[in-house]
């Protein structure tokens, strides 16, 4: 599937890379913890390792090279890049209040109590949310899956986390605007529907549905031929089965690939988590990033814009341990800051794993993951399909295996 470059020529020890497959097979596939794994490692955009294990799902045969995966929150960096393309065109600015695009959010309040069967208590007026607050998850929005507060509970009642089938973009915003914020914008960090709102901003500013914007301005220029909000006609056999972790037993089938509702048109393109993609497509996205925003002559974003996006924007240079109130996110907290759509390593030692300062990354709720190390010019894309992503330490293990195979550091 991939033309692999001799790993030794790009600074990897082949015998150490060879440790990866038996580890994944023994720890995850043979044990039944994961139904499939697919891994691509590259340096300077050139693949040096590709491996796949497991099956497409229950009774469906070996995993295909061109398998389609629900990449969930790995959609977020793509949405963030799309928005920053509009910033580069001066159609919007990071410091603009989102009310320039969303008048619905003009009178927000900060949560003061109540909710559920008790009406929300009047709270203090919230300062304006800025677009930068959406990109950094410091907006005051939340996710129902956080499962901590009464606001989280109302998000679950509205099913904001899975809006594809029952809300369109305007309905999503209208319902969200009725609820108080969990905190004042810029005050704290909370993993949330912020990127869904950002995706709707891309729609309103560009005049295109989000999937159409992605296709024209990101996917087609990069040659990402299999990425979309949903599955094309006749392609369901390529969609892997999705599973959910059940304590004490093997993962249970959550959404079968054949017969999945993803084959039917959705009402809402979730910029926070709705894309289906392949490992080959997402590798091309990562190759563009590690190459400073350009790939094969297609300039997606400028190097300076990308540098802005991957810098830490948390106040005072803080890491997530100091500002996060999330029960769940796709990030480690210690030594990790947050940029404009990416987690970013700001103190490698505090992460307690091999990495580089300046590495940026994210993952998806079905345990997919990617990272970009601009110091070493290394990228990784990992695909599987078990929810939630917090179950196994596989991301840490993969990074350990990859960096232990690096024989020639550029740091």
Protein backbone atom coordinates (compact mmCIF):
# COMPACT_ATOMS: atom_id res chain seq x y z
CA UNK A 1 0.00 0.00 0.00
CA UNK A 2 2.81 2.39 0.85
CA UNK A 3 6.21 2.76 -0.78
CA UNK A 4 8.33 2.41 2.32
CA UNK A 5 11.68 4.14 2.56
CA UNK A 6 14.55 2.20 4.11
CA UNK A 7 14.16 3.23 7.77
CA UNK A 8 17.93 3.20 8.35
CA UNK A 9 18.34 5.88 5.68
CA UNK A 10 16.03 8.13 7.72
CA UNK A 11 17.56 7.47 11.10
CA UNK A 12 15.52 4.53 12.42
CA UNK A 13 16.87 1.19 13.65
CA UNK A 14 14.95 -1.47 11.67
CA UNK A 15 15.33 -4.12 14.36
CA UNK A 16 13.74 -1.79 16.90
CA UNK A 17 10.86 -0.87 14.62
CA UNK A 18 10.32 -4.61 14.27
CA UNK A 19 9.35 -4.73 17.95
CA UNK A 20 6.08 -2.93 17.23
CA UNK A 21 4.10 -5.67 15.49
CA UNK A 22 4.68 -8.46 18.04
CA UNK A 23 3.87 -6.04 20.85
CA UNK A 24 0.55 -5.01 19.29
CA UNK A 25 -0.31 -8.59 18.43
CA UNK A 26 0.35 -9.97 21.90
CA UNK A 27 -0.91 -7.05 24.00
CA UNK A 28 -3.98 -6.07 21.98
CA UNK A 29 -5.01 -8.35 19.10
CA UNK A 30 -4.51 -11.86 20.50
CA UNK A 31 -5.90 -10.74 23.86
CA UNK A 32 -9.07 -9.40 22.22
CA UNK A 33 -8.57 -5.91 23.66
CA UNK A 34 -8.65 -4.35 20.18
CA UNK A 35 -10.29 -5.80 17.04
CA UNK A 36 -7.75 -4.24 14.69
CA UNK A 37 -4.70 -1.96 14.56
CA UNK A 38 -3.23 0.00 11.69
CA UNK A 39 -0.08 2.08 12.11
CA UNK A 40 1.94 4.35 9.83
CA UNK A 41 5.19 6.04 10.87
CA UNK A 42 6.95 8.53 8.62
CA UNK A 43 9.92 10.89 8.68
CA UNK A 44 10.14 13.93 6.41
CA UNK A 45 6.76 12.77 5.11
CA UNK A 46 8.23 9.46 3.88
CA UNK A 47 6.73 6.28 5.35
CA UNK A 48 9.25 4.07 7.12
CA UNK A 49 6.86 1.67 8.83
CA UNK A 50 3.39 0.35 8.01
CA UNK A 51 1.60 -2.48 9.75
CA UNK A 52 -1.92 -3.79 10.11
CA UNK A 53 -3.37 -6.51 12.33
CA UNK A 54 -6.80 -7.92 13.11
CA UNK A 55 -10.04 -7.86 11.19
CA UNK A 56 -12.65 -5.52 9.76
CA UNK A 57 -14.96 -6.62 12.55
CA UNK A 58 -17.14 -9.53 13.54
CA UNK A 59 -16.84 -12.24 10.89
CA UNK A 60 -15.67 -9.80 8.23
CA UNK A 61 -12.19 -10.99 7.35
CA UNK A 62 -8.74 -9.42 7.64
CA UNK A 63 -8.34 -5.67 7.99
CA UNK A 64 -8.11 -3.98 4.60
CA UNK A 65 -5.35 -1.53 3.72
CA UNK A 66 -8.02 0.92 2.53
CA UNK A 67 -10.29 0.45 5.55
CA UNK A 68 -12.44 3.42 6.56
CA UNK A 69 -12.41 4.55 10.19
CA UNK A 70 -14.53 6.92 12.26
CA UNK A 71 -11.80 9.37 13.24
CA UNK A 72 -14.02 11.31 15.68
CA UNK A 73 -12.06 14.18 17.26
CA UNK A 74 -9.20 13.86 14.77
CA UNK A 75 -11.68 15.95 12.76
CA UNK A 76 -10.91 18.91 15.05
CA UNK A 77 -7.46 19.79 13.67
CA UNK A 78 -8.88 19.76 10.13
CA UNK A 79 -11.69 22.12 11.18
CA UNK A 80 -9.14 24.35 12.88
CA UNK A 81 -7.00 24.48 9.73
CA UNK A 82 -10.11 25.35 7.69
CA UNK A 83 -10.95 28.25 9.99
CA UNK A 84 -7.39 29.55 9.90
CA UNK A 85 -7.53 29.56 6.11
CA UNK A 86 -10.35 32.11 6.46
CA UNK A 87 -8.26 34.06 8.99
CA UNK A 88 -5.45 34.20 6.43
CA UNK A 89 -7.90 35.75 3.96
CA UNK A 90 -8.92 38.37 6.59
CA UNK A 91 -12.52 37.19 6.46
CA UNK A 92 -12.42 36.80 10.25
CA UNK A 93 -9.92 37.43 13.06
CA UNK A 94 -9.02 35.37 16.09
CA UNK A 95 -9.83 38.23 18.45
CA UNK A 96 -13.28 38.84 16.91
CA UNK A 97 -16.26 38.07 19.16
CA UNK A 98 -18.17 35.13 17.77
CA UNK A 99 -21.31 37.29 17.78
CA UNK A 100 -20.01 38.74 14.49
CA UNK A 101 -21.07 35.41 12.99
CA UNK A 102 -23.41 34.11 15.70
CA UNK A 103 -25.84 36.76 16.96
CA UNK A 104 -27.51 33.90 18.85
CA UNK A 105 -24.74 34.08 21.47
CA UNK A 106 -25.22 37.76 22.34
CA UNK A 107 -26.66 37.29 25.85
CA UNK A 108 -24.85 34.37 27.44
CA UNK A 109 -24.60 33.89 31.17
CA UNK A 110 -22.22 31.94 33.38
CA UNK A 111 -23.67 28.95 35.23
CA UNK A 112 -24.85 29.74 38.76
CA UNK A 113 -26.75 26.56 39.64
CA UNK A 114 -29.90 24.64 38.83
CA UNK A 115 -30.63 22.60 35.75
CA UNK A 116 -32.43 19.34 35.08
CA UNK A 117 -35.87 19.54 36.70
CA UNK A 118 -34.78 22.81 38.39
CA UNK A 119 -34.60 25.89 36.12
CA UNK A 120 -31.15 27.35 35.69
CA UNK A 121 -30.53 30.09 38.27
CA UNK A 122 -29.72 33.57 36.92
CA UNK A 123 -25.96 33.92 36.54
CA UNK A 124 -23.57 36.75 35.84
CA UNK A 125 -23.35 38.01 32.29
CA UNK A 126 -20.56 36.34 30.36
CA UNK A 127 -17.96 38.40 28.51
CA UNK A 128 -17.97 37.81 24.76
CA UNK A 129 -16.62 34.52 23.46
CA UNK A 130 -13.88 35.14 20.91
CA UNK A 131 -12.98 32.81 18.06
CA UNK A 132 -9.66 32.13 19.74
CA UNK A 133 -11.64 30.82 22.73
CA UNK A 134 -13.32 28.27 20.47
CA UNK A 135 -9.99 27.11 19.04
CA UNK A 136 -8.41 26.75 22.48
CA UNK A 137 -11.44 25.16 24.23
CA UNK A 138 -11.60 28.09 26.65
CA UNK A 139 -15.10 29.17 25.53
CA UNK A 140 -17.09 27.92 28.53
CA UNK A 141 -18.89 25.26 26.46
CA UNK A 142 -18.75 21.59 27.47
CA UNK A 143 -19.51 18.06 26.29
CA UNK A 144 -22.27 15.87 27.64
CA UNK A 145 -19.71 13.09 28.00
CA UNK A 146 -17.89 15.10 30.69
CA UNK A 147 -20.68 13.95 33.03
CA UNK A 148 -19.88 16.31 35.93
CA UNK A 149 -22.40 19.14 36.04
CA UNK A 150 -26.08 19.80 35.39
CA UNK A 151 -25.06 21.60 32.20
CA UNK A 152 -23.30 18.46 31.00
CA UNK A 153 -26.55 16.59 31.68
CA UNK A 154 -28.57 19.02 29.55
CA UNK A 155 -26.01 18.64 26.74
CA UNK A 156 -26.72 14.90 26.90
CA UNK A 157 -30.49 15.55 26.80
CA UNK A 158 -29.98 17.57 23.61
CA UNK A 159 -27.53 14.91 22.35
CA UNK A 160 -25.13 17.62 21.22
CA UNK A 161 -22.27 15.10 21.17
CA UNK A 162 -23.99 13.10 18.40
CA UNK A 163 -26.04 15.67 16.48
CA UNK A 164 -25.60 14.27 12.98
CA UNK A 165 -29.02 12.68 12.65
CA UNK A 166 -31.30 15.03 14.56
CA UNK A 167 -30.04 18.65 14.27
CA UNK A 168 -28.89 20.92 11.49
CA UNK A 169 -26.26 23.61 12.08
CA UNK A 170 -28.70 26.42 12.89
CA UNK A 171 -30.69 24.23 15.28
CA UNK A 172 -27.46 23.19 17.02
CA UNK A 173 -26.50 26.84 17.62
CA UNK A 174 -30.01 27.89 18.67
CA UNK A 175 -30.25 25.19 21.35
CA UNK A 176 -26.71 25.77 22.57
CA UNK A 177 -27.33 29.51 22.93
CA UNK A 178 -30.18 28.83 25.38
CA UNK A 179 -27.79 27.33 27.94
CA UNK A 180 -25.42 29.07 30.36
CA UNK A 181 -21.67 28.67 30.03
CA UNK A 182 -19.82 26.57 32.59
CA UNK A 183 -17.29 29.39 33.13
CA UNK A 184 -16.41 32.78 31.71
CA UNK A 185 -14.58 32.62 28.37
CA UNK A 186 -10.81 32.57 28.79
CA UNK A 187 -11.05 31.58 32.46
CA UNK A 188 -10.48 27.81 32.20
CA UNK A 189 -9.99 24.97 29.71
CA UNK A 190 -12.68 22.38 29.06
CA UNK A 191 -12.87 19.91 26.20
CA UNK A 192 -16.13 20.77 24.48
CA UNK A 193 -18.32 21.33 21.43
CA UNK A 194 -16.29 24.48 20.70
CA UNK A 195 -14.93 22.99 17.48
CA UNK A 196 -18.44 22.11 16.31
CA UNK A 197 -19.31 25.79 16.68
CA UNK A 198 -16.09 26.67 14.85
CA UNK A 199 -17.12 24.40 11.98
CA UNK A 200 -20.47 26.16 11.75
CA UNK A 201 -18.56 29.45 11.64
CA UNK A 202 -16.65 28.12 8.62
CA UNK A 203 -20.00 27.35 6.99
CA UNK A 204 -21.47 30.79 7.67
CA UNK A 205 -18.36 32.71 6.60
CA UNK A 206 -17.65 30.65 3.48
CA UNK A 207 -21.25 30.04 2.44
CA UNK A 208 -20.47 26.33 2.01
CA UNK A 209 -21.51 23.29 4.00
CA UNK A 210 -18.52 22.15 6.02
CA UNK A 211 -17.99 18.91 4.11
CA UNK A 212 -18.01 20.81 0.82
CA UNK A 213 -15.53 23.36 2.18
CA UNK A 214 -13.19 20.59 3.37
CA UNK A 215 -13.42 18.84 0.01
CA UNK A 216 -12.58 21.94 -2.02
CA UNK A 217 -9.96 23.58 0.17
CA UNK A 218 -8.23 20.70 1.99
CA UNK A 219 -9.07 17.20 0.76
CA UNK A 220 -8.82 17.67 -3.01
CA UNK A 221 -5.61 19.75 -2.86
CA UNK A 222 -4.01 17.12 -0.60
CA UNK A 223 -5.30 14.10 -2.50
CA UNK A 224 -7.33 12.89 0.49
CA UNK A 225 -9.75 10.88 -1.62
CA UNK A 226 -11.55 8.91 1.10
CA UNK A 227 -12.29 11.53 3.77
CA UNK A 228 -15.84 12.81 4.23
CA UNK A 229 -18.72 13.27 6.65
CA UNK A 230 -20.18 9.83 6.07
CA UNK A 231 -19.53 6.92 3.73
CA UNK A 232 -20.01 7.10 -0.03
CA UNK A 233 -22.53 4.87 -1.80
CA UNK A 234 -21.29 1.32 -2.10
CA UNK A 235 -18.37 1.79 0.29
CA UNK A 236 -19.86 0.38 3.51
CA UNK A 237 -17.85 -2.81 3.14
CA UNK A 238 -14.73 -0.69 3.71
CA UNK A 239 -16.03 0.76 7.00
CA UNK A 240 -14.72 -1.17 10.00
CA UNK A 241 -17.02 -2.21 12.81
CA UNK A 242 -16.86 0.05 15.87
CA UNK A 243 -16.76 -1.40 19.37
CA UNK A 244 -17.32 -0.17 22.91
CA UNK A 245 -15.24 -1.23 25.90
CA UNK A 246 -17.14 -3.24 28.50
CA UNK A 247 -15.28 -3.75 31.81
CA UNK A 248 -14.42 -7.37 32.42
CA UNK A 249 -15.05 -8.58 28.90
CA UNK A 250 -14.01 -8.07 25.29
CA UNK A 251 -15.32 -4.95 23.54
CA UNK A 252 -18.91 -5.17 22.32
CA UNK A 253 -20.11 -4.23 18.85
CA UNK A 254 -21.26 -0.60 18.87
CA UNK A 255 -21.84 0.23 15.19
CA UNK A 256 -21.46 -2.32 12.40
CA UNK A 257 -19.71 -1.04 9.31
CA UNK A 258 -22.13 -2.74 6.96
CA UNK A 259 -25.49 -1.16 7.66
CA UNK A 260 -24.06 1.84 9.52
CA UNK A 261 -26.13 5.02 9.46
CA UNK A 262 -22.98 6.75 8.20
CA UNK A 263 -24.03 5.57 4.74
CA UNK A 264 -27.07 7.85 4.98
CA UNK A 265 -26.85 11.64 4.59
CA UNK A 266 -26.53 13.49 7.89
CA UNK A 267 -28.17 16.77 8.82
CA UNK A 268 -25.09 18.11 10.59
CA UNK A 269 -21.40 18.08 9.62
CA UNK A 270 -19.69 17.84 13.00
CA UNK A 271 -16.46 19.80 12.85
CA UNK A 272 -15.70 18.39 16.27
CA UNK A 273 -15.91 14.73 15.42
CA UNK A 274 -17.80 13.65 12.32
CA UNK A 275 -15.26 12.59 9.69
CA UNK A 276 -14.61 9.16 8.26
CA UNK A 277 -11.12 8.68 6.81
CA UNK A 278 -8.30 6.26 6.02
CA UNK A 279 -4.78 5.96 7.33
CA UNK A 280 -3.45 6.96 3.89
CA UNK A 281 -5.54 10.14 3.84
CA UNK A 282 -4.66 11.21 7.35
CA UNK A 283 -1.00 10.54 6.66
CA UNK A 284 -1.20 13.08 3.83
CA UNK A 285 -2.72 15.61 6.23
CA UNK A 286 0.15 14.99 8.69
CA UNK A 287 2.73 15.13 5.90
CA UNK A 288 1.39 18.58 5.00
CA UNK A 289 1.73 19.67 8.62
CA UNK A 290 5.29 18.41 9.11
CA UNK A 291 6.21 20.10 5.84
CA UNK A 292 5.09 23.50 7.11
CA UNK A 293 1.62 23.60 5.57
CA UNK A 294 2.38 22.42 2.03
CA UNK A 295 2.39 19.06 0.24
CA UNK A 296 3.22 18.24 -3.37
CA UNK A 297 2.84 21.86 -4.41
CA UNK A 298 -0.49 22.43 -2.61
CA UNK A 299 -0.17 25.17 0.02
CA UNK A 300 -2.91 24.63 2.62
CA UNK A 301 -1.73 27.02 5.33
CA UNK A 302 1.32 29.24 5.74
CA UNK A 303 4.25 28.19 7.95
CA UNK A 304 3.74 31.21 10.21
CA UNK A 305 0.04 30.46 10.64
CA UNK A 306 0.87 26.86 11.49
CA UNK A 307 3.48 28.01 14.00
CA UNK A 308 0.82 30.19 15.64
CA UNK A 309 -1.57 27.25 15.76
CA UNK A 310 0.92 24.89 17.39
CA UNK A 311 2.17 27.33 20.04
CA UNK A 312 0.78 27.20 23.58
CA UNK A 313 -2.08 29.70 24.01
CA UNK A 314 -2.94 28.87 27.62
CA UNK A 315 -2.64 32.00 29.82
CA UNK A 316 0.74 32.54 31.42
CA UNK A 317 2.26 29.60 29.58
CA UNK A 318 0.35 27.17 31.83
CA UNK A 319 -0.10 23.50 31.06
CA UNK A 320 -3.40 21.62 31.20
CA UNK A 321 -2.87 20.46 34.78
CA UNK A 322 -3.29 24.10 35.83
CA UNK A 323 -6.32 25.07 33.72
CA UNK A 324 -8.24 21.96 32.65
CA UNK A 325 -11.47 21.02 34.37
CA UNK A 326 -12.25 18.18 31.95
CA UNK A 327 -13.03 14.71 33.17
CA UNK A 328 -12.01 13.53 29.70
CA UNK A 329 -10.04 14.81 26.74
CA UNK A 330 -7.75 13.34 24.10
CA UNK A 331 -4.65 14.76 25.78
CA UNK A 332 -2.18 14.16 28.53
CA UNK A 333 -2.13 17.11 30.94
CA UNK A 334 1.32 17.32 32.50
CA UNK A 335 3.79 19.24 30.36
CA UNK A 336 1.15 19.82 27.67
CA UNK A 337 -0.30 23.13 26.59
CA UNK A 338 -2.93 23.85 24.00
CA UNK A 339 -2.74 25.76 20.74
CA UNK A 340 -5.32 26.55 18.09
CA UNK A 341 -6.76 23.07 17.62
CA UNK A 342 -3.81 20.98 18.80
CA UNK A 343 -2.34 19.84 22.10
CA UNK A 344 1.32 20.85 22.20
CA UNK A 345 4.22 19.64 24.32
CA UNK A 346 5.74 22.53 26.30
CA UNK A 347 7.80 20.58 28.83
CA UNK A 348 8.94 17.19 27.54
CA UNK A 349 10.24 15.99 30.92
CA UNK A 350 6.88 16.50 32.63
CA UNK A 351 5.12 14.21 30.13
CA UNK A 352 7.23 11.29 31.42
CA UNK A 353 7.52 9.85 27.93
CA UNK A 354 9.93 10.32 25.03
CA UNK A 355 8.90 13.33 22.97
CA UNK A 356 10.13 16.67 21.69
CA UNK A 357 9.24 20.12 22.89
CA UNK A 358 6.92 21.48 20.23
CA UNK A 359 5.34 18.15 19.29
CA UNK A 360 1.62 18.52 18.62
CA UNK A 361 -1.11 15.93 18.43
CA UNK A 362 -4.67 14.83 19.03
CA UNK A 363 -6.80 11.71 18.98
CA UNK A 364 -10.31 10.41 18.54
CA UNK A 365 -12.81 8.82 20.90
CA UNK A 366 -12.52 5.46 19.09
CA UNK A 367 -8.82 5.35 20.11
CA UNK A 368 -7.41 6.68 16.85
CA UNK A 369 -4.42 9.02 17.23
CA UNK A 370 -1.78 11.06 15.43
CA UNK A 371 1.22 13.16 16.34
CA UNK A 372 3.60 15.49 14.52
CA UNK A 373 7.11 16.06 15.86
CA UNK A 374 8.53 19.05 13.95
CA UNK A 375 11.93 18.73 15.64
CA UNK A 376 12.51 15.18 14.42
CA UNK A 377 10.17 15.53 11.38
CA UNK A 378 8.34 12.38 12.54
CA UNK A 379 4.62 11.73 12.10
CA UNK A 380 2.46 8.87 13.29
CA UNK A 381 -1.09 7.87 12.42
CA UNK A 382 -2.77 5.07 14.35
CA UNK A 383 -6.16 3.58 13.57
CA UNK A 384 -8.39 1.23 15.53
CA UNK A 385 -12.02 1.41 16.64
CA UNK A 386 -12.78 0.98 20.34
CA UNK A 387 -14.63 3.57 22.43
CA UNK A 388 -13.61 5.30 24.68
CA UNK A 389 -10.01 6.19 23.98
CA UNK A 390 -9.14 6.39 27.68
CA UNK A 391 -9.35 2.62 28.18
CA UNK A 392 -5.83 1.51 27.18
CA UNK A 393 -2.39 3.22 27.38
CA UNK A 394 -1.68 2.39 23.75
CA UNK A 395 -0.79 5.95 22.69
CA UNK A 396 1.93 6.17 25.31
CA UNK A 397 3.17 2.70 24.36
CA UNK A 398 3.31 3.53 20.65
CA UNK A 399 5.28 6.71 21.28
CA UNK A 400 7.70 4.79 23.48
CA UNK A 401 8.22 2.14 20.79
CA UNK A 402 8.63 4.71 18.01
CA UNK A 403 11.11 6.93 19.80
CA UNK A 404 13.07 3.93 21.10
CA UNK A 405 13.61 2.99 17.43
CA UNK A 406 15.03 6.41 16.56
CA UNK A 407 18.78 6.09 16.08
CA UNK A 408 19.54 9.54 14.67
CA UNK A 409 18.04 12.47 16.57
CA UNK A 410 17.99 15.95 15.06
CA UNK A 411 17.45 17.68 18.38
